[in-house]
Amino acid sequence: MGILAMKPFAGGMIDNGEIAFKFLREHPGVIALPGFDSLEMVDEIVSFYRQPNTVTVKDLKLMENYRLELGKKFCRRCEYCQPCPQGVMITPAMAYKVIASRMSPQVAVEFSKTSMESVALCTECGECVDRCPYELPIPDMLKEHYDLYEQHRAESK
């Protein structure tokens, strides 16, 4: 039986395509279904399949670092939690921690302003939690991301 691996980059949480595909290629019968932003990304993924899959000790360490960093408590951006009855932009707000780790605080704040400002609309009704297939505590995570956003906003002034 084959397995289709959706979101091989964990909804953008894994930023190393080579490591993600080295891991997936270790499992026979798994076919990854990544999303692409450009033709260059397609070429990059195809290039991984033009060479033998050799997983080094360094690769295993990187894979373990991702596993430890992500755990099971991260948004995969599936959007099953949407729409929020209060208008919270859940998916982009749940990505703030990743965005902030890849940009300067000032750029992250400006980039995420609209979605992060919507977090104040959350009434903790729980509809998003009920819809989340990963059973994430979305209101708690939104608060955590909003606190980080506020900290970055204060630093940017």
N, C-alpha and C. Protein backbone atom coordinates (compact mmCIF):
# COMPACT_ATOMS: atom_id res chain seq x y z
N MET A 1 0.84 -1.17 0.00
CA MET A 1 0.00 0.00 0.00
C MET A 1 0.89 1.24 0.00
N GLY A 2 0.56 2.21 -0.80
CA GLY A 2 1.29 3.47 -0.84
C GLY A 2 0.69 4.47 0.13
N ILE A 3 1.49 5.41 0.52
CA ILE A 3 1.04 6.46 1.43
C ILE A 3 1.35 7.80 0.77
N LEU A 4 0.34 8.67 0.73
CA LEU A 4 0.53 10.02 0.22
C LEU A 4 0.82 10.92 1.41
N ALA A 5 1.99 11.54 1.42
CA ALA A 5 2.41 12.41 2.52
C ALA A 5 2.11 13.86 2.16
N MET A 6 0.99 14.36 2.66
CA MET A 6 0.63 15.75 2.43
C MET A 6 1.45 16.62 3.37
N LYS A 7 1.75 17.81 2.91
CA LYS A 7 2.48 18.81 3.69
C LYS A 7 3.81 18.28 4.22
N PRO A 8 4.69 17.84 3.32
CA PRO A 8 5.97 17.29 3.77
C PRO A 8 6.87 18.32 4.46
N PHE A 9 6.50 19.59 4.35
CA PHE A 9 7.26 20.64 5.04
C PHE A 9 6.54 21.08 6.31
N ALA A 10 5.58 20.27 6.76
CA ALA A 10 4.83 20.53 7.99
C ALA A 10 4.19 21.92 7.98
N GLY A 11 3.56 22.23 6.86
CA GLY A 11 2.88 23.53 6.76
C GLY A 11 3.83 24.71 6.85
N GLY A 12 5.05 24.52 6.38
CA GLY A 12 6.04 25.59 6.39
C GLY A 12 6.96 25.58 7.61
N MET A 13 6.73 24.66 8.52
CA MET A 13 7.55 24.60 9.73
C MET A 13 8.94 24.03 9.46
N ILE A 14 9.06 23.16 8.47
CA ILE A 14 10.35 22.60 8.10
C ILE A 14 10.87 23.41 6.91
N ASP A 15 11.98 24.08 7.12
CA ASP A 15 12.50 24.96 6.08
C ASP A 15 13.70 24.37 5.34
N ASN A 16 13.92 23.07 5.52
CA ASN A 16 15.03 22.40 4.85
C ASN A 16 14.45 21.27 4.01
N GLY A 17 14.23 21.56 2.73
CA GLY A 17 13.62 20.57 1.83
C GLY A 17 14.42 19.31 1.68
N GLU A 18 15.73 19.45 1.65
CA GLU A 18 16.58 18.27 1.49
C GLU A 18 16.41 17.31 2.66
N ILE A 19 16.37 17.84 3.88
CA ILE A 19 16.20 16.99 5.06
C ILE A 19 14.82 16.35 5.06
N ALA A 20 13.79 17.14 4.73
CA ALA A 20 12.43 16.59 4.70
C ALA A 20 12.34 15.42 3.72
N PHE A 21 12.93 15.58 2.55
CA PHE A 21 12.84 14.53 1.54
C PHE A 21 13.78 13.36 1.83
N LYS A 22 14.89 13.61 2.49
CA LYS A 22 15.74 12.49 2.91
C LYS A 22 14.95 11.61 3.88
N PHE A 23 14.24 12.25 4.80
CA PHE A 23 13.43 11.48 5.75
C PHE A 23 12.35 10.69 5.03
N LEU A 24 11.61 11.33 4.16
CA LEU A 24 10.52 10.67 3.46
C LEU A 24 11.00 9.54 2.56
N ARG A 25 12.14 9.73 1.94
CA ARG A 25 12.67 8.71 1.03
C ARG A 25 13.17 7.48 1.78
N GLU A 26 13.34 7.58 3.08
CA GLU A 26 13.71 6.43 3.89
C GLU A 26 12.55 5.45 4.07
N HIS A 27 11.36 5.88 3.69
CA HIS A 27 10.15 5.08 3.89
C HIS A 27 9.58 4.66 2.53
N PRO A 28 9.82 3.42 2.12
CA PRO A 28 9.32 2.96 0.82
C PRO A 28 7.79 3.07 0.74
N GLY A 29 7.34 3.43 -0.41
CA GLY A 29 5.89 3.52 -0.61
C GLY A 29 5.29 4.86 -0.23
N VAL A 30 6.12 5.78 0.26
CA VAL A 30 5.62 7.12 0.61
C VAL A 30 5.87 8.05 -0.56
N ILE A 31 4.82 8.73 -0.97
CA ILE A 31 4.92 9.71 -2.04
C ILE A 31 4.54 11.06 -1.45
N ALA A 32 5.48 11.99 -1.50
CA ALA A 32 5.25 13.32 -0.93
C ALA A 32 4.45 14.18 -1.90
N LEU A 33 3.54 14.98 -1.35
CA LEU A 33 2.74 15.91 -2.13
C LEU A 33 2.99 17.33 -1.62
N PRO A 34 4.14 17.91 -1.99
CA PRO A 34 4.44 19.25 -1.49
C PRO A 34 3.73 20.33 -2.27
N GLY A 35 3.56 21.48 -1.64
CA GLY A 35 3.10 22.66 -2.34
C GLY A 35 4.33 23.42 -2.82
N PHE A 36 4.21 24.10 -3.93
CA PHE A 36 5.35 24.82 -4.48
C PHE A 36 5.01 26.28 -4.68
N ASP A 37 6.00 27.13 -4.43
CA ASP A 37 5.85 28.56 -4.65
C ASP A 37 6.49 29.01 -5.96
N SER A 38 7.35 28.15 -6.52
CA SER A 38 8.08 28.56 -7.72
C SER A 38 8.57 27.33 -8.49
N LEU A 39 8.96 27.56 -9.71
CA LEU A 39 9.54 26.48 -10.52
C LEU A 39 10.88 26.04 -9.93
N GLU A 40 11.59 26.96 -9.32
CA GLU A 40 12.87 26.62 -8.69
C GLU A 40 12.67 25.58 -7.60
N MET A 41 11.58 25.70 -6.86
CA MET A 41 11.30 24.71 -5.81
C MET A 41 11.03 23.34 -6.40
N VAL A 42 10.32 23.31 -7.52
CA VAL A 42 10.06 22.04 -8.19
C VAL A 42 11.39 21.41 -8.61
N ASP A 43 12.24 22.23 -9.23
CA ASP A 43 13.55 21.73 -9.66
C ASP A 43 14.37 21.22 -8.48
N GLU A 44 14.31 21.92 -7.37
CA GLU A 44 15.06 21.50 -6.18
C GLU A 44 14.61 20.11 -5.71
N ILE A 45 13.30 19.92 -5.61
CA ILE A 45 12.77 18.63 -5.14
C ILE A 45 13.13 17.52 -6.13
N VAL A 46 12.97 17.78 -7.41
CA VAL A 46 13.31 16.78 -8.43
C VAL A 46 14.79 16.40 -8.33
N SER A 47 15.64 17.37 -8.00
CA SER A 47 17.08 17.09 -7.90
C SER A 47 17.38 16.09 -6.79
N PHE A 48 16.57 16.07 -5.74
CA PHE A 48 16.80 15.11 -4.65
C PHE A 48 16.64 13.67 -5.14
N TYR A 49 15.77 13.47 -6.12
CA TYR A 49 15.49 12.13 -6.64
C TYR A 49 16.49 11.70 -7.71
N ARG A 50 17.37 12.59 -8.10
CA ARG A 50 18.38 12.25 -9.11
C ARG A 50 19.65 11.67 -8.49
N GLN A 51 19.64 11.52 -7.20
CA GLN A 51 20.81 10.98 -6.49
C GLN A 51 20.35 9.95 -5.47
N PRO A 52 21.23 9.06 -5.09
CA PRO A 52 20.85 8.08 -4.06
C PRO A 52 20.51 8.81 -2.75
N ASN A 53 19.63 8.22 -2.00
CA ASN A 53 19.25 8.82 -0.72
C ASN A 53 20.23 8.37 0.36
N THR A 54 21.13 9.24 0.70
CA THR A 54 22.13 8.95 1.72
C THR A 54 21.86 9.82 2.94
N VAL A 55 21.48 9.19 4.04
CA VAL A 55 21.19 9.92 5.28
C VAL A 55 22.41 9.80 6.19
N THR A 56 23.01 10.95 6.50
CA THR A 56 24.21 10.98 7.33
C THR A 56 23.84 11.16 8.80
N VAL A 57 24.82 11.03 9.66
CA VAL A 57 24.61 11.27 11.09
C VAL A 57 24.18 12.72 11.31
N LYS A 58 24.77 13.64 10.55
CA LYS A 58 24.38 15.05 10.62
C LYS A 58 22.91 15.23 10.23
N ASP A 59 22.48 14.53 9.17
CA ASP A 59 21.08 14.59 8.74
C ASP A 59 20.15 14.09 9.84
N LEU A 60 20.52 12.97 10.46
CA LEU A 60 19.70 12.41 11.54
C LEU A 60 19.58 13.40 12.70
N LYS A 61 20.65 14.10 12.99
CA LYS A 61 20.64 15.10 14.06
C LYS A 61 19.69 16.24 13.70
N LEU A 62 19.74 16.70 12.45
CA LEU A 62 18.81 17.75 12.01
C LEU A 62 17.36 17.29 12.09
N MET A 63 17.11 16.05 11.66
CA MET A 63 15.75 15.50 11.73
C MET A 63 15.27 15.47 13.19
N GLU A 64 16.14 15.05 14.07
CA GLU A 64 15.79 14.99 15.50
C GLU A 64 15.55 16.39 16.06
N ASN A 65 16.33 17.35 15.62
CA ASN A 65 16.11 18.73 16.08
C ASN A 65 14.74 19.24 15.67
N TYR A 66 14.33 18.94 14.43
CA TYR A 66 12.98 19.33 14.00
C TYR A 66 11.93 18.63 14.84
N ARG A 67 12.11 17.34 15.08
CA ARG A 67 11.14 16.58 15.87
C ARG A 67 11.01 17.17 17.27
N LEU A 68 12.13 17.50 17.88
CA LEU A 68 12.09 18.05 19.23
C LEU A 68 11.50 19.45 19.25
N GLU A 69 11.86 20.26 18.26
CA GLU A 69 11.36 21.63 18.19
C GLU A 69 9.86 21.67 17.95
N LEU A 70 9.39 20.85 17.03
CA LEU A 70 7.99 20.88 16.66
C LEU A 70 7.10 20.08 17.60
N GLY A 71 7.57 18.93 18.03
CA GLY A 71 6.72 18.07 18.83
C GLY A 71 5.44 17.77 18.06
N LYS A 72 4.33 17.76 18.75
CA LYS A 72 3.04 17.55 18.08
C LYS A 72 2.19 18.81 18.14
N LYS A 73 2.68 19.83 18.82
CA LYS A 73 1.89 21.04 19.05
C LYS A 73 2.32 22.15 18.09
N PHE A 74 1.92 21.99 16.83
CA PHE A 74 2.17 23.05 15.86
C PHE A 74 1.08 22.99 14.79
N CYS A 75 0.78 24.14 14.27
CA CYS A 75 -0.26 24.27 13.25
C CYS A 75 0.28 23.83 11.91
N ARG A 76 -0.45 22.94 11.26
CA ARG A 76 -0.04 22.45 9.93
C ARG A 76 -0.69 23.25 8.80
N ARG A 77 -1.42 24.29 9.15
CA ARG A 77 -2.10 25.18 8.21
C ARG A 77 -3.11 24.45 7.32
N CYS A 78 -3.81 23.50 7.88
CA CYS A 78 -4.83 22.78 7.12
C CYS A 78 -6.10 23.62 6.95
N GLU A 79 -6.29 24.57 7.84
CA GLU A 79 -7.41 25.51 7.84
C GLU A 79 -8.77 24.89 8.18
N TYR A 80 -8.78 23.69 8.75
CA TYR A 80 -10.05 23.11 9.18
C TYR A 80 -10.66 23.92 10.31
N CYS A 81 -9.87 24.70 11.01
CA CYS A 81 -10.35 25.52 12.12
C CYS A 81 -11.18 26.72 11.63
N GLN A 82 -11.05 27.04 10.36
CA GLN A 82 -11.69 28.22 9.79
C GLN A 82 -13.10 27.91 9.30
N PRO A 83 -13.99 28.85 9.20
CA PRO A 83 -13.81 30.25 9.58
C PRO A 83 -14.10 30.45 11.07
N CYS A 84 -13.45 31.43 11.62
CA CYS A 84 -13.70 31.80 13.02
C CYS A 84 -14.95 32.67 13.05
N PRO A 85 -15.92 32.34 13.92
CA PRO A 85 -17.14 33.15 13.97
C PRO A 85 -16.90 34.59 14.43
N GLN A 86 -15.77 34.82 15.10
CA GLN A 86 -15.45 36.17 15.56
C GLN A 86 -14.54 36.92 14.59
N GLY A 87 -14.08 36.24 13.56
CA GLY A 87 -13.24 36.88 12.56
C GLY A 87 -11.74 36.82 12.82
N VAL A 88 -11.32 35.97 13.73
CA VAL A 88 -9.89 35.81 13.98
C VAL A 88 -9.26 35.13 12.76
N MET A 89 -8.16 35.67 12.31
CA MET A 89 -7.42 35.08 11.19
C MET A 89 -6.49 34.02 11.78
N ILE A 90 -7.06 32.87 12.09
CA ILE A 90 -6.36 31.85 12.87
C ILE A 90 -5.10 31.35 12.18
N THR A 91 -5.21 30.92 10.95
CA THR A 91 -4.08 30.29 10.28
C THR A 91 -2.84 31.20 10.22
N PRO A 92 -2.96 32.44 9.72
CA PRO A 92 -1.76 33.28 9.70
C PRO A 92 -1.28 33.66 11.10
N ALA A 93 -2.19 33.82 12.06
CA ALA A 93 -1.78 34.14 13.43
C ALA A 93 -1.04 32.97 14.07
N MET A 94 -1.46 31.75 13.74
CA MET A 94 -0.78 30.57 14.27
C MET A 94 0.63 30.43 13.69
N ALA A 95 0.90 31.11 12.59
CA ALA A 95 2.22 31.03 11.96
C ALA A 95 3.19 32.09 12.48
N TYR A 96 2.74 32.95 13.38
CA TYR A 96 3.59 34.08 13.79
C TYR A 96 4.94 33.64 14.36
N LYS A 97 4.94 32.60 15.16
CA LYS A 97 6.20 32.15 15.77
C LYS A 97 7.23 31.78 14.70
N VAL A 98 6.78 31.11 13.67
CA VAL A 98 7.68 30.71 12.57
C VAL A 98 8.12 31.95 11.80
N ILE A 99 7.19 32.81 11.50
CA ILE A 99 7.51 34.04 10.77
C ILE A 99 8.55 34.84 11.55
N ALA A 100 8.33 34.96 12.85
CA ALA A 100 9.25 35.73 13.69
C ALA A 100 10.63 35.09 13.76
N SER A 101 10.70 33.78 13.60
CA SER A 101 12.00 33.11 13.66
C SER A 101 12.77 33.27 12.35
N ARG A 102 12.08 33.67 11.30
CA ARG A 102 12.72 33.78 9.98
C ARG A 102 12.90 35.22 9.53
N MET A 103 12.36 36.17 10.30
CA MET A 103 12.46 37.59 9.95
C MET A 103 12.91 38.36 11.19
N SER A 104 13.32 39.57 10.99
CA SER A 104 13.61 40.41 12.14
C SER A 104 12.29 40.72 12.84
N PRO A 105 12.32 41.02 14.15
CA PRO A 105 11.07 41.34 14.84
C PRO A 105 10.28 42.46 14.17
N GLN A 106 10.98 43.49 13.73
CA GLN A 106 10.30 44.62 13.10
C GLN A 106 9.58 44.20 11.82
N VAL A 107 10.24 43.41 10.99
CA VAL A 107 9.63 42.95 9.73
C VAL A 107 8.48 41.99 10.03
N ALA A 108 8.66 41.09 11.00
CA ALA A 108 7.61 40.13 11.36
C ALA A 108 6.36 40.86 11.85
N VAL A 109 6.55 41.89 12.66
CA VAL A 109 5.41 42.66 13.18
C VAL A 109 4.65 43.32 12.04
N GLU A 110 5.36 43.95 11.14
CA GLU A 110 4.70 44.63 10.02
C GLU A 110 4.03 43.63 9.09
N PHE A 111 4.70 42.53 8.81
CA PHE A 111 4.17 41.50 7.92
C PHE A 111 2.89 40.88 8.48
N SER A 112 2.83 40.70 9.80
CA SER A 112 1.73 39.96 10.43
C SER A 112 0.71 40.84 11.13
N LYS A 113 0.82 42.13 10.99
CA LYS A 113 -0.01 43.07 11.74
C LYS A 113 -1.50 42.77 11.65
N THR A 114 -2.02 42.62 10.46
CA THR A 114 -3.47 42.43 10.28
C THR A 114 -3.94 41.15 10.97
N SER A 115 -3.25 40.05 10.74
CA SER A 115 -3.69 38.79 11.36
C SER A 115 -3.52 38.81 12.87
N MET A 116 -2.43 39.39 13.35
CA MET A 116 -2.19 39.40 14.80
C MET A 116 -3.16 40.34 15.51
N GLU A 117 -3.53 41.43 14.89
CA GLU A 117 -4.52 42.34 15.50
C GLU A 117 -5.88 41.65 15.63
N SER A 118 -6.17 40.71 14.73
CA SER A 118 -7.45 40.00 14.79
C SER A 118 -7.54 39.06 15.98
N VAL A 119 -6.41 38.68 16.58
CA VAL A 119 -6.40 37.76 17.72
C VAL A 119 -7.20 38.34 18.89
N ALA A 120 -7.22 39.67 19.01
CA ALA A 120 -7.98 40.32 20.09
C ALA A 120 -9.47 40.00 20.01
N LEU A 121 -9.96 39.57 18.86
CA LEU A 121 -11.37 39.24 18.68
C LEU A 121 -11.74 37.88 19.27
N CYS A 122 -10.75 37.08 19.63
CA CYS A 122 -10.99 35.72 20.12
C CYS A 122 -11.76 35.75 21.44
N THR A 123 -12.85 34.99 21.49
CA THR A 123 -13.66 34.88 22.71
C THR A 123 -13.48 33.53 23.38
N GLU A 124 -12.55 32.73 22.83
CA GLU A 124 -12.31 31.38 23.33
C GLU A 124 -13.57 30.52 23.29
N CYS A 125 -14.35 30.67 22.22
CA CYS A 125 -15.59 29.91 22.08
C CYS A 125 -15.33 28.41 21.90
N GLY A 126 -14.15 28.07 21.38
CA GLY A 126 -13.78 26.67 21.24
C GLY A 126 -14.14 26.02 19.92
N GLU A 127 -14.81 26.75 19.03
CA GLU A 127 -15.18 26.15 17.74
C GLU A 127 -13.95 25.69 16.96
N CYS A 128 -12.88 26.49 17.00
CA CYS A 128 -11.66 26.13 16.27
C CYS A 128 -11.03 24.86 16.87
N VAL A 129 -11.09 24.74 18.17
CA VAL A 129 -10.53 23.56 18.85
C VAL A 129 -11.30 22.32 18.44
N ASP A 130 -12.61 22.43 18.40
CA ASP A 130 -13.45 21.29 18.01
C ASP A 130 -13.18 20.85 16.58
N ARG A 131 -12.83 21.80 15.71
CA ARG A 131 -12.59 21.48 14.30
C ARG A 131 -11.17 21.00 14.01
N CYS A 132 -10.23 21.29 14.90
CA CYS A 132 -8.82 20.99 14.63
C CYS A 132 -8.57 19.48 14.69
N PRO A 133 -8.12 18.87 13.57
CA PRO A 133 -7.87 17.43 13.57
C PRO A 133 -6.64 17.04 14.41
N TYR A 134 -5.85 18.04 14.82
CA TYR A 134 -4.64 17.77 15.61
C TYR A 134 -4.85 18.10 17.09
N GLU A 135 -6.09 18.44 17.43
CA GLU A 135 -6.49 18.72 18.81
C GLU A 135 -5.60 19.78 19.46
N LEU A 136 -5.27 20.81 18.70
CA LEU A 136 -4.43 21.88 19.22
C LEU A 136 -5.25 22.81 20.11
N PRO A 137 -4.64 23.30 21.19
CA PRO A 137 -5.30 24.29 22.05
C PRO A 137 -5.16 25.68 21.39
N ILE A 138 -5.90 25.89 20.33
CA ILE A 138 -5.71 27.07 19.48
C ILE A 138 -5.80 28.38 20.25
N PRO A 139 -6.82 28.63 21.09
CA PRO A 139 -6.85 29.91 21.80
C PRO A 139 -5.60 30.14 22.67
N ASP A 140 -5.12 29.12 23.32
CA ASP A 140 -3.90 29.25 24.13
C ASP A 140 -2.69 29.56 23.26
N MET A 141 -2.60 28.89 22.14
CA MET A 141 -1.48 29.12 21.23
C MET A 141 -1.56 30.51 20.63
N LEU A 142 -2.76 30.96 20.30
CA LEU A 142 -2.92 32.32 19.77
C LEU A 142 -2.46 33.35 20.79
N LYS A 143 -2.80 33.13 22.05
CA LYS A 143 -2.36 34.06 23.11
C LYS A 143 -0.84 34.09 23.19
N GLU A 144 -0.23 32.92 23.13
CA GLU A 144 1.23 32.83 23.18
C GLU A 144 1.86 33.57 22.01
N HIS A 145 1.31 33.39 20.83
CA HIS A 145 1.85 34.06 19.64
C HIS A 145 1.60 35.57 19.72
N TYR A 146 0.44 35.94 20.25
CA TYR A 146 0.12 37.37 20.39
C TYR A 146 1.07 38.04 21.38
N ASP A 147 1.38 37.34 22.48
CA ASP A 147 2.33 37.89 23.45
C ASP A 147 3.70 38.13 22.80
N LEU A 148 4.13 37.19 21.98
CA LEU A 148 5.40 37.34 21.26
C LEU A 148 5.31 38.51 20.29
N TYR A 149 4.20 38.63 19.60
CA TYR A 149 3.97 39.74 18.68
C TYR A 149 4.05 41.07 19.43
N GLU A 150 3.40 41.16 20.57
CA GLU A 150 3.41 42.38 21.37
C GLU A 150 4.82 42.71 21.84
N GLN A 151 5.56 41.70 22.23
CA GLN A 151 6.95 41.90 22.66
C GLN A 151 7.77 42.46 21.49
N HIS A 152 7.60 41.88 20.32
CA HIS A 152 8.32 42.35 19.14
C HIS A 152 7.88 43.75 18.74
N ARG A 153 6.61 44.02 18.89
CA ARG A 153 6.08 45.35 18.55
C ARG A 153 6.70 46.41 19.47
N ALA A 154 6.80 46.09 20.75
CA ALA A 154 7.40 47.02 21.71
C ALA A 154 8.89 47.24 21.39
N GLU A 155 9.58 46.18 21.01
CA GLU A 155 11.00 46.28 20.66
C GLU A 155 11.22 47.10 19.40
N SER A 156 10.23 47.11 18.51
CA SER A 156 10.35 47.78 17.23
C SER A 156 10.11 49.28 17.31
N LYS A 157 9.60 49.73 18.43
CA LYS A 157 9.29 51.18 18.57
C LYS A 157 10.52 51.99 18.88
